[in-house]
N, C-alpha and C. Protein backbone atom coordinates (compact mmCIF):
# COMPACT_ATOMS: atom_id res chain seq x y z
N MET A 1 -219.52 -192.36 -134.89
CA MET A 1 -219.26 -192.97 -136.21
C MET A 1 -218.36 -191.99 -136.95
N LEU A 2 -218.28 -190.41 -136.31
CA LEU A 2 -217.09 -190.05 -137.29
C LEU A 2 -215.81 -190.33 -136.48
N ALA A 3 -215.52 -191.14 -135.62
CA ALA A 3 -214.28 -191.00 -135.18
C ALA A 3 -213.20 -191.88 -136.10
N ASN A 4 -213.98 -192.52 -136.95
CA ASN A 4 -213.15 -193.15 -138.10
C ASN A 4 -212.41 -192.36 -139.07
N TRP A 5 -212.68 -191.04 -138.96
CA TRP A 5 -212.16 -189.67 -139.84
C TRP A 5 -210.94 -189.63 -140.01
N PRO A 6 -211.01 -188.79 -138.37
CA PRO A 6 -209.66 -188.47 -138.10
C PRO A 6 -208.35 -189.90 -137.51
N TRP A 7 -208.81 -190.81 -137.12
CA TRP A 7 -208.04 -192.08 -137.31
C TRP A 7 -207.60 -192.66 -138.76
N THR A 8 -207.91 -192.41 -139.62
CA THR A 8 -207.83 -192.65 -141.02
C THR A 8 -207.17 -190.94 -141.38
N LEU A 9 -207.42 -190.31 -141.17
CA LEU A 9 -206.38 -189.25 -142.03
C LEU A 9 -205.25 -189.28 -140.65
N ILE A 10 -205.31 -189.20 -139.80
CA ILE A 10 -204.30 -188.88 -139.09
C ILE A 10 -203.00 -189.92 -138.67
N ALA A 11 -203.42 -191.61 -138.21
CA ALA A 11 -202.82 -192.89 -138.37
C ALA A 11 -202.63 -193.40 -139.70
N ILE A 12 -203.66 -193.33 -140.39
CA ILE A 12 -203.21 -194.58 -141.66
C ILE A 12 -203.16 -193.91 -143.04
N MET A 13 -203.35 -192.62 -142.92
CA MET A 13 -203.36 -192.02 -144.46
C MET A 13 -201.45 -192.13 -144.20
N PRO A 14 -200.72 -191.65 -143.66
CA PRO A 14 -199.44 -191.19 -143.77
C PRO A 14 -198.61 -192.62 -144.28
N ILE A 15 -199.31 -194.12 -143.76
CA ILE A 15 -198.76 -195.10 -143.99
C ILE A 15 -199.29 -195.11 -145.42
N ASN A 16 -200.30 -195.28 -145.62
CA ASN A 16 -200.86 -195.53 -147.50
C ASN A 16 -199.98 -194.49 -148.14
N ASN A 17 -199.82 -193.35 -147.88
CA ASN A 17 -198.92 -192.42 -148.65
C ASN A 17 -197.34 -192.97 -148.84
N ALA A 18 -196.82 -193.61 -148.19
CA ALA A 18 -195.39 -194.05 -147.92
C ALA A 18 -195.09 -194.82 -148.62
N LEU A 19 -196.51 -195.75 -148.83
CA LEU A 19 -196.71 -197.18 -148.92
C LEU A 19 -196.62 -197.22 -150.77
N MET A 20 -197.58 -195.96 -151.26
CA MET A 20 -198.34 -196.15 -152.21
C MET A 20 -196.86 -194.79 -153.17
N ALA A 21 -195.82 -194.63 -152.34
CA ALA A 21 -194.50 -193.22 -153.10
C ALA A 21 -193.46 -194.70 -153.69
N MET A 22 -193.62 -195.70 -152.54
CA MET A 22 -192.40 -196.83 -153.04
C MET A 22 -192.08 -197.21 -154.13
N PRO A 23 -191.35 -196.88 -154.78
CA PRO A 23 -191.18 -197.71 -155.82
C PRO A 23 -191.57 -199.30 -155.62
N PRO A 24 -192.00 -200.20 -156.57
CA PRO A 24 -191.99 -201.61 -156.78
C PRO A 24 -190.60 -201.98 -156.66
N GLU A 25 -189.41 -201.70 -157.20
CA GLU A 25 -188.34 -202.30 -156.97
C GLU A 25 -187.60 -201.92 -155.72
N GLN A 26 -188.29 -201.25 -154.91
CA GLN A 26 -187.79 -200.91 -153.48
C GLN A 26 -188.42 -201.81 -152.40
N VAL A 27 -189.50 -202.59 -153.12
CA VAL A 27 -189.91 -203.17 -151.76
C VAL A 27 -189.06 -204.00 -151.21
N GLY A 28 -189.64 -204.68 -149.79
CA GLY A 28 -188.71 -204.84 -149.04
C GLY A 28 -188.74 -205.26 -147.66
N PRO A 29 -188.26 -205.85 -147.15
CA PRO A 29 -188.12 -205.36 -145.38
C PRO A 29 -189.47 -204.61 -144.77
N GLN A 30 -188.84 -203.48 -145.51
CA GLN A 30 -189.26 -202.25 -144.73
C GLN A 30 -190.75 -201.80 -145.35
N SER A 31 -190.65 -202.19 -146.53
CA SER A 31 -192.64 -201.97 -146.93
C SER A 31 -193.03 -203.09 -146.47
N ARG A 32 -192.50 -204.39 -145.77
CA ARG A 32 -193.25 -205.49 -144.84
C ARG A 32 -193.90 -205.26 -143.52
N LEU A 33 -192.80 -204.30 -143.14
CA LEU A 33 -193.34 -203.58 -141.75
C LEU A 33 -194.45 -202.68 -141.81
N LEU A 34 -194.31 -201.72 -142.96
CA LEU A 34 -195.46 -200.93 -142.74
C LEU A 34 -196.32 -201.47 -143.38
N ILE A 35 -196.43 -202.77 -144.16
CA ILE A 35 -198.07 -202.96 -144.48
C ILE A 35 -198.60 -204.15 -142.92
N GLU A 36 -197.46 -204.58 -142.17
CA GLU A 36 -198.03 -205.11 -141.07
C GLU A 36 -198.90 -204.10 -140.22
N LYS A 37 -198.04 -202.22 -140.52
CA LYS A 37 -198.42 -201.74 -139.29
C LYS A 37 -200.19 -201.06 -139.18
N TRP A 38 -199.88 -201.31 -141.06
CA TRP A 38 -201.66 -200.33 -141.43
C TRP A 38 -202.13 -201.70 -141.33
N GLY A 39 -201.99 -202.70 -141.00
CA GLY A 39 -202.99 -203.96 -140.58
C GLY A 39 -203.34 -203.28 -139.62
N ARG A 40 -202.74 -203.36 -138.73
CA ARG A 40 -203.13 -203.28 -136.91
C ARG A 40 -203.69 -201.88 -137.24
N LEU A 41 -203.12 -200.67 -137.62
CA LEU A 41 -203.93 -200.07 -137.81
C LEU A 41 -205.47 -199.58 -138.23
N HIS A 42 -205.30 -200.59 -139.37
CA HIS A 42 -206.99 -200.86 -139.76
C HIS A 42 -207.76 -201.87 -138.96
N GLY A 43 -206.73 -202.22 -138.07
CA GLY A 43 -207.72 -203.24 -137.24
C GLY A 43 -209.02 -202.41 -136.33
N VAL A 44 -207.84 -201.16 -135.97
CA VAL A 44 -208.22 -200.36 -134.93
C VAL A 44 -209.55 -199.63 -135.71
N ARG A 45 -209.56 -199.08 -136.63
CA ARG A 45 -210.19 -198.52 -137.20
C ARG A 45 -211.46 -199.46 -137.53
N THR A 46 -211.47 -200.52 -137.84
CA THR A 46 -212.34 -201.65 -138.01
C THR A 46 -213.34 -201.86 -136.73
N GLY A 47 -212.19 -201.75 -135.59
CA GLY A 47 -213.07 -202.11 -134.17
C GLY A 47 -213.87 -200.67 -133.84
N LEU A 48 -213.45 -199.32 -134.51
CA LEU A 48 -213.94 -197.87 -133.80
C LEU A 48 -215.18 -198.36 -134.43
N GLY A 49 -215.53 -198.70 -136.21
CA GLY A 49 -216.62 -198.92 -136.99
C GLY A 49 -217.41 -200.07 -135.76
N ALA A 50 -216.63 -200.98 -135.98
CA ALA A 50 -217.93 -202.00 -135.18
C ALA A 50 -218.25 -201.71 -133.32
N LEU A 51 -217.93 -200.48 -132.86
CA LEU A 51 -218.40 -199.73 -131.82
C LEU A 51 -219.49 -199.02 -132.10
N ALA A 52 -219.35 -198.10 -133.05
CA ALA A 52 -220.06 -196.89 -133.49
C ALA A 52 -221.39 -198.00 -134.24
N THR A 53 -221.47 -199.30 -134.79
CA THR A 53 -222.60 -199.80 -134.69
C THR A 53 -223.42 -200.16 -133.82
N ALA A 54 -222.66 -200.66 -132.44
CA ALA A 54 -223.14 -200.86 -131.46
C ALA A 54 -223.59 -200.08 -130.87
N VAL A 55 -223.27 -199.07 -130.47
CA VAL A 55 -223.76 -197.98 -129.99
C VAL A 55 -224.59 -197.12 -130.64
N PHE A 56 -225.39 -197.33 -132.30
CA PHE A 56 -226.19 -197.05 -132.82
C PHE A 56 -227.46 -198.21 -132.55
N LEU A 57 -227.53 -199.22 -132.69
CA LEU A 57 -228.07 -200.11 -132.51
C LEU A 57 -228.67 -199.93 -131.18
N ALA A 58 -227.45 -200.45 -130.45
CA ALA A 58 -228.27 -199.82 -128.76
C ALA A 58 -228.92 -198.65 -128.45
N ALA A 59 -228.88 -197.68 -129.08
CA ALA A 59 -229.48 -196.48 -129.30
C ALA A 59 -231.27 -196.61 -130.12
N LEU A 60 -231.01 -197.22 -131.10
CA LEU A 60 -232.28 -197.97 -131.39
C LEU A 60 -233.33 -198.58 -130.82
N VAL A 61 -232.48 -199.25 -129.89
CA VAL A 61 -233.26 -200.28 -129.62
C VAL A 61 -234.08 -199.65 -128.01
N HIS A 62 -233.02 -198.69 -127.82
CA HIS A 62 -233.87 -198.06 -126.75
C HIS A 62 -234.51 -196.78 -127.08
N TRP A 63 -234.71 -196.70 -127.93
CA TRP A 63 -235.62 -195.42 -128.39
C TRP A 63 -236.75 -195.60 -128.29
């Protein structure tokens, strides 16, 4: 369940910061690439959360 935290801080947060620092008048192909990368990284984060939920439920059933 804690795997999401370092993934968010190390992989996703720098992209969030870069997107938030980008002035609206400078949006373009570079911001599009960052948003697409953010989406892929967030998909990994979602997968980690789903895996943690599955492990939790499996442990609950076998308890």
